[in-house]
């Protein structure tokens, strides 16, 4: 199952994406840092919602992003039974 990487509610309507810490194909664990956003003079990191593989990055570095916008996708690891 795919899970979106979204811009969370940050008390503003938009931010600037300053850095991706991962690339498509990278394996991540739930809670790993994926993206850095700039909010005025402060930075904010977005963490992975699940463990899995980064399959897409839709937002570009140095571009404005809006609250709720999907930045990319993580394909969740298959559960082990």
C-alpha atoms as a PDB file:
ATOM      1  CA  UNK A   1       0.000   0.000   0.000  1.00  0.00           C
ATOM      2  CA  UNK A   2       1.237   3.496  -0.849  1.00  0.00           C
ATOM      3  CA  UNK A   3       1.276   6.282   1.737  1.00  0.00           C
ATOM      4  CA  UNK A   4       1.511   9.983   0.861  1.00  0.00           C
ATOM      5  CA  UNK A   5       4.151  12.292   2.266  1.00  0.00           C
ATOM      6  CA  UNK A   6       2.061  15.379   3.088  1.00  0.00           C
ATOM      7  CA  UNK A   7       2.778  18.862   4.349  1.00  0.00           C
ATOM      8  CA  UNK A   8       1.235  18.903   7.842  1.00  0.00           C
ATOM      9  CA  UNK A   9      -0.678  21.777   9.443  1.00  0.00           C
ATOM     10  CA  UNK A  10       2.060  24.213  10.418  1.00  0.00           C
ATOM     11  CA  UNK A  11       0.167  27.335  11.448  1.00  0.00           C
ATOM     12  CA  UNK A  12       0.713  28.935   8.029  1.00  0.00           C
ATOM     13  CA  UNK A  13      -0.601  28.338   4.529  1.00  0.00           C
ATOM     14  CA  UNK A  14       2.677  27.531   2.792  1.00  0.00           C
ATOM     15  CA  UNK A  15       6.361  26.807   3.252  1.00  0.00           C
ATOM     16  CA  UNK A  16       9.443  26.344   1.070  1.00  0.00           C
ATOM     17  CA  UNK A  17      10.831  22.850   0.525  1.00  0.00           C
ATOM     18  CA  UNK A  18      14.564  23.267   1.183  1.00  0.00           C
ATOM     19  CA  UNK A  19      15.873  19.685   1.121  1.00  0.00           C
ATOM     20  CA  UNK A  20      14.977  16.099   0.313  1.00  0.00           C
ATOM     21  CA  UNK A  21      16.964  13.656   2.467  1.00  0.00           C
ATOM     22  CA  UNK A  22      15.895  10.639   0.371  1.00  0.00           C
ATOM     23  CA  UNK A  23      15.627   9.638  -3.289  1.00  0.00           C
ATOM     24  CA  UNK A  24      13.252   7.297  -5.096  1.00  0.00           C
ATOM     25  CA  UNK A  25      14.344   3.736  -4.376  1.00  0.00           C
ATOM     26  CA  UNK A  26      15.667   4.530  -0.892  1.00  0.00           C
ATOM     27  CA  UNK A  27      14.373   2.351   1.943  1.00  0.00           C
ATOM     28  CA  UNK A  28      13.145   4.288   4.984  1.00  0.00           C
ATOM     29  CA  UNK A  29      11.867   3.416   8.430  1.00  0.00           C
ATOM     30  CA  UNK A  30       8.804   4.948  10.043  1.00  0.00           C
ATOM     31  CA  UNK A  31       9.884   8.231  11.618  1.00  0.00           C
ATOM     32  CA  UNK A  32      12.958   8.746   9.384  1.00  0.00           C
ATOM     33  CA  UNK A  33      13.500  12.329   8.273  1.00  0.00           C
ATOM     34  CA  UNK A  34      12.434  12.763   4.620  1.00  0.00           C
ATOM     35  CA  UNK A  35      12.000  16.468   3.871  1.00  0.00           C
ATOM     36  CA  UNK A  36      13.007  19.824   5.329  1.00  0.00           C
ATOM     37  CA  UNK A  37      10.679  22.824   5.042  1.00  0.00           C
ATOM     38  CA  UNK A  38      11.476  26.479   5.704  1.00  0.00           C
ATOM     39  CA  UNK A  39       8.857  28.495   7.611  1.00  0.00           C
ATOM     40  CA  UNK A  40      10.076  32.072   7.890  1.00  0.00           C
ATOM     41  CA  UNK A  41      13.338  31.759   9.863  1.00  0.00           C
ATOM     42  CA  UNK A  42      12.570  28.247  11.189  1.00  0.00           C
ATOM     43  CA  UNK A  43      12.959  24.819   9.620  1.00  0.00           C
ATOM     44  CA  UNK A  44      10.619  21.862  10.069  1.00  0.00           C
ATOM     45  CA  UNK A  45      11.244  18.223   9.149  1.00  0.00           C
ATOM     46  CA  UNK A  46       8.647  15.817   7.769  1.00  0.00           C
ATOM     47  CA  UNK A  47       9.117  12.195   8.817  1.00  0.00           C
ATOM     48  CA  UNK A  48       8.152   9.003   7.047  1.00  0.00           C
ATOM     49  CA  UNK A  49       4.616   7.849   7.896  1.00  0.00           C
ATOM     50  CA  UNK A  50       5.601   4.163   7.432  1.00  0.00           C
ATOM     51  CA  UNK A  51       8.578   1.894   6.785  1.00  0.00           C
ATOM     52  CA  UNK A  52       9.015   1.208   3.089  1.00  0.00           C
ATOM     53  CA  UNK A  53      10.536   2.473  -0.146  1.00  0.00           C
ATOM     54  CA  UNK A  54      10.340   5.996  -1.544  1.00  0.00           C
ATOM     55  CA  UNK A  55       8.633   5.582  -4.906  1.00  0.00           C
ATOM     56  CA  UNK A  56       8.000   9.182  -5.965  1.00  0.00           C
ATOM     57  CA  UNK A  57       8.981  12.763  -5.184  1.00  0.00           C
ATOM     58  CA  UNK A  58       6.582  15.312  -6.654  1.00  0.00           C
ATOM     59  CA  UNK A  59       7.718  18.551  -5.030  1.00  0.00           C
ATOM     60  CA  UNK A  60      10.922  20.319  -5.997  1.00  0.00           C
ATOM     61  CA  UNK A  61      13.599  21.886  -3.786  1.00  0.00           C
ATOM     62  CA  UNK A  62      13.303  25.680  -3.409  1.00  0.00           C
ATOM     63  CA  UNK A  63       9.618  25.650  -4.402  1.00  0.00           C
ATOM     64  CA  UNK A  64       6.633  26.697  -2.297  1.00  0.00           C
ATOM     65  CA  UNK A  65       4.393  23.954  -0.943  1.00  0.00           C
ATOM     66  CA  UNK A  66       0.945  24.290   0.614  1.00  0.00           C
ATOM     67  CA  UNK A  67      -0.519  22.734   3.744  1.00  0.00           C
ATOM     68  CA  UNK A  68      -1.927  19.306   2.890  1.00  0.00           C
ATOM     69  CA  UNK A  69       0.000  19.074  -0.389  1.00  0.00           C
ATOM     70  CA  UNK A  70       1.357  15.630  -1.253  1.00  0.00           C
ATOM     71  CA  UNK A  71       5.126  15.828  -1.710  1.00  0.00           C
ATOM     72  CA  UNK A  72       5.765  12.197  -2.620  1.00  0.00           C
ATOM     73  CA  UNK A  73       4.869   8.582  -1.878  1.00  0.00           C
ATOM     74  CA  UNK A  74       6.197   5.732   0.261  1.00  0.00           C
ATOM     75  CA  UNK A  75       5.347   2.134  -0.661  1.00  0.00           C
ATOM     76  CA  UNK A  76       4.905   0.378   2.690  1.00  0.00           C
ATOM     77  CA  UNK A  77       6.860  -2.787   3.424  1.00  0.00           C
ATOM     78  CA  UNK A  78       4.754  -5.924   3.188  1.00  0.00           C
ATOM     79  CA  UNK A  79       3.732  -7.182   6.629  1.00  0.00           C
ATOM     80  CA  UNK A  80       5.407 -10.408   7.697  1.00  0.00           C
ATOM     81  CA  UNK A  81       3.003 -13.175   8.685  1.00  0.00           C
END
